[in-house]
Amino acid sequence: MIKIRCVVERITYQSPETGYTVLKCAVKNYNDLVTVVGNLVDANVGSVLLIDGN
C-alpha cells in the first residue's frame, strides 16, 4: 500500500449516482500524471487529495 498527496489536474470520468471517478493527479517528484480510480464524490479540478492505494 502506498500513500500519495496530489492535486487533481483532470477528471476523465465521474458518475454522479455512484461517485465512481477516474482522474489524473499531479504528484510532487513524479514527471507524469498519476491515474486515480475510486469512489471520489467531491473531487474537483484543483482539489488536493490524500490517497491510500495499491
N, C-alpha and C. Protein backbone atom coordinates (compact mmCIF):
# COMPACT_ATOMS: atom_id res chain seq x y z
N MET A 1 0.85 -1.18 0.00
CA MET A 1 0.00 0.00 0.00
C MET A 1 0.89 1.24 0.00
N ILE A 2 0.47 2.23 -0.78
CA ILE A 2 1.20 3.50 -0.83
C ILE A 2 0.26 4.64 -0.46
N LYS A 3 0.84 5.76 -0.04
CA LYS A 3 0.09 6.97 0.25
C LYS A 3 0.67 8.08 -0.60
N ILE A 4 -0.21 8.84 -1.26
CA ILE A 4 0.26 9.98 -2.04
C ILE A 4 -0.59 11.20 -1.73
N ARG A 5 0.02 12.35 -1.91
CA ARG A 5 -0.69 13.64 -1.83
C ARG A 5 -0.61 14.20 -3.23
N CYS A 6 -1.76 14.55 -3.79
CA CYS A 6 -1.76 15.00 -5.18
C CYS A 6 -2.78 16.11 -5.40
N VAL A 7 -2.64 16.76 -6.54
CA VAL A 7 -3.57 17.81 -6.97
C VAL A 7 -4.27 17.31 -8.22
N VAL A 8 -5.60 17.37 -8.22
CA VAL A 8 -6.39 16.89 -9.35
C VAL A 8 -6.17 17.83 -10.54
N GLU A 9 -5.70 17.27 -11.65
CA GLU A 9 -5.46 18.03 -12.87
C GLU A 9 -6.59 17.87 -13.89
N ARG A 10 -7.17 16.67 -13.94
CA ARG A 10 -8.19 16.38 -14.96
C ARG A 10 -9.10 15.27 -14.46
N ILE A 11 -10.40 15.42 -14.66
CA ILE A 11 -11.36 14.35 -14.35
C ILE A 11 -11.76 13.72 -15.67
N THR A 12 -11.41 12.45 -15.82
CA THR A 12 -11.70 11.71 -17.05
C THR A 12 -13.14 11.23 -17.05
N TYR A 13 -13.61 10.73 -15.91
CA TYR A 13 -14.99 10.23 -15.79
C TYR A 13 -15.43 10.36 -14.34
N GLN A 14 -16.70 10.73 -14.14
CA GLN A 14 -17.26 10.78 -12.79
C GLN A 14 -18.75 10.50 -12.87
N SER A 15 -19.19 9.47 -12.13
CA SER A 15 -20.61 9.11 -12.09
C SER A 15 -21.27 9.82 -10.91
N PRO A 16 -22.25 10.68 -11.17
CA PRO A 16 -22.93 11.36 -10.07
C PRO A 16 -23.75 10.41 -9.19
N GLU A 17 -24.19 9.30 -9.75
CA GLU A 17 -25.00 8.34 -8.99
C GLU A 17 -24.17 7.53 -8.00
N THR A 18 -23.00 7.06 -8.43
CA THR A 18 -22.21 6.16 -7.60
C THR A 18 -20.95 6.80 -7.02
N GLY A 19 -20.51 7.91 -7.59
CA GLY A 19 -19.28 8.55 -7.16
C GLY A 19 -18.04 7.94 -7.78
N TYR A 20 -18.20 6.89 -8.61
CA TYR A 20 -17.05 6.25 -9.27
C TYR A 20 -16.37 7.29 -10.14
N THR A 21 -15.06 7.45 -9.93
CA THR A 21 -14.32 8.52 -10.60
C THR A 21 -12.99 8.00 -11.14
N VAL A 22 -12.62 8.49 -12.31
CA VAL A 22 -11.31 8.26 -12.89
C VAL A 22 -10.72 9.65 -13.11
N LEU A 23 -9.54 9.90 -12.51
CA LEU A 23 -8.94 11.23 -12.67
C LEU A 23 -7.43 11.13 -12.76
N LYS A 24 -6.84 12.23 -13.17
CA LYS A 24 -5.38 12.35 -13.28
C LYS A 24 -4.91 13.39 -12.28
N CYS A 25 -3.85 13.03 -11.53
CA CYS A 25 -3.32 13.90 -10.49
C CYS A 25 -1.85 14.19 -10.72
N ALA A 26 -1.45 15.39 -10.29
CA ALA A 26 -0.03 15.75 -10.27
C ALA A 26 0.50 15.42 -8.88
N VAL A 27 1.63 14.69 -8.86
CA VAL A 27 2.27 14.30 -7.60
C VAL A 27 3.68 14.86 -7.60
N LYS A 28 4.08 15.45 -6.48
CA LYS A 28 5.41 16.02 -6.35
C LYS A 28 6.47 14.94 -6.63
N ASN A 29 7.49 15.29 -7.37
CA ASN A 29 8.61 14.43 -7.74
C ASN A 29 8.25 13.33 -8.74
N TYR A 30 7.07 13.39 -9.37
CA TYR A 30 6.69 12.49 -10.47
C TYR A 30 6.62 13.33 -11.74
N ASN A 31 7.19 12.83 -12.83
CA ASN A 31 7.15 13.57 -14.09
C ASN A 31 5.80 13.46 -14.78
N ASP A 32 5.14 12.31 -14.65
CA ASP A 32 3.86 12.06 -15.33
C ASP A 32 2.70 12.20 -14.35
N LEU A 33 1.52 12.46 -14.91
CA LEU A 33 0.32 12.47 -14.09
C LEU A 33 0.01 11.05 -13.64
N VAL A 34 -0.56 10.91 -12.45
CA VAL A 34 -0.92 9.62 -11.87
C VAL A 34 -2.42 9.42 -12.03
N THR A 35 -2.83 8.24 -12.50
CA THR A 35 -4.25 7.92 -12.63
C THR A 35 -4.78 7.41 -11.30
N VAL A 36 -5.91 7.96 -10.87
CA VAL A 36 -6.55 7.55 -9.62
C VAL A 36 -7.97 7.09 -9.97
N VAL A 37 -8.36 5.94 -9.44
CA VAL A 37 -9.69 5.38 -9.68
C VAL A 37 -10.30 5.04 -8.33
N GLY A 38 -11.55 5.44 -8.12
CA GLY A 38 -12.22 5.10 -6.87
C GLY A 38 -13.50 5.89 -6.70
N ASN A 39 -14.13 5.77 -5.54
CA ASN A 39 -15.35 6.50 -5.23
C ASN A 39 -14.97 7.84 -4.60
N LEU A 40 -14.93 8.86 -5.44
CA LEU A 40 -14.48 10.19 -5.04
C LEU A 40 -15.56 11.21 -5.40
N VAL A 41 -16.60 11.26 -4.61
CA VAL A 41 -17.77 12.09 -4.93
C VAL A 41 -17.44 13.57 -5.01
N ASP A 42 -16.61 14.08 -4.10
CA ASP A 42 -16.35 15.52 -4.03
C ASP A 42 -15.08 15.96 -4.72
N ALA A 43 -14.51 15.14 -5.59
CA ALA A 43 -13.27 15.51 -6.27
C ALA A 43 -13.56 16.54 -7.37
N ASN A 44 -12.76 17.61 -7.38
CA ASN A 44 -12.86 18.65 -8.40
C ASN A 44 -11.46 18.99 -8.88
N VAL A 45 -11.36 19.55 -10.09
CA VAL A 45 -10.07 20.00 -10.59
C VAL A 45 -9.52 21.04 -9.61
N GLY A 46 -8.27 20.85 -9.22
CA GLY A 46 -7.62 21.74 -8.25
C GLY A 46 -7.67 21.24 -6.83
N SER A 47 -8.49 20.23 -6.56
CA SER A 47 -8.58 19.66 -5.21
C SER A 47 -7.27 18.98 -4.84
N VAL A 48 -6.89 19.08 -3.57
CA VAL A 48 -5.74 18.35 -3.05
C VAL A 48 -6.28 17.11 -2.37
N LEU A 49 -5.75 15.94 -2.76
CA LEU A 49 -6.22 14.67 -2.22
C LEU A 49 -5.10 13.94 -1.51
N LEU A 50 -5.43 13.28 -0.42
CA LEU A 50 -4.53 12.35 0.25
C LEU A 50 -5.11 10.98 0.00
N ILE A 51 -4.35 10.12 -0.72
CA ILE A 51 -4.88 8.87 -1.21
C ILE A 51 -4.05 7.69 -0.72
N ASP A 52 -4.75 6.63 -0.26
CA ASP A 52 -4.13 5.36 0.06
C ASP A 52 -4.52 4.39 -1.03
N GLY A 53 -3.60 3.56 -1.50
CA GLY A 53 -3.97 2.59 -2.54
C GLY A 53 -2.84 1.69 -2.93
N ASN A 54 -3.11 0.88 -3.93
CA ASN A 54 -2.15 -0.07 -4.48
C ASN A 54 -1.78 0.32 -5.89
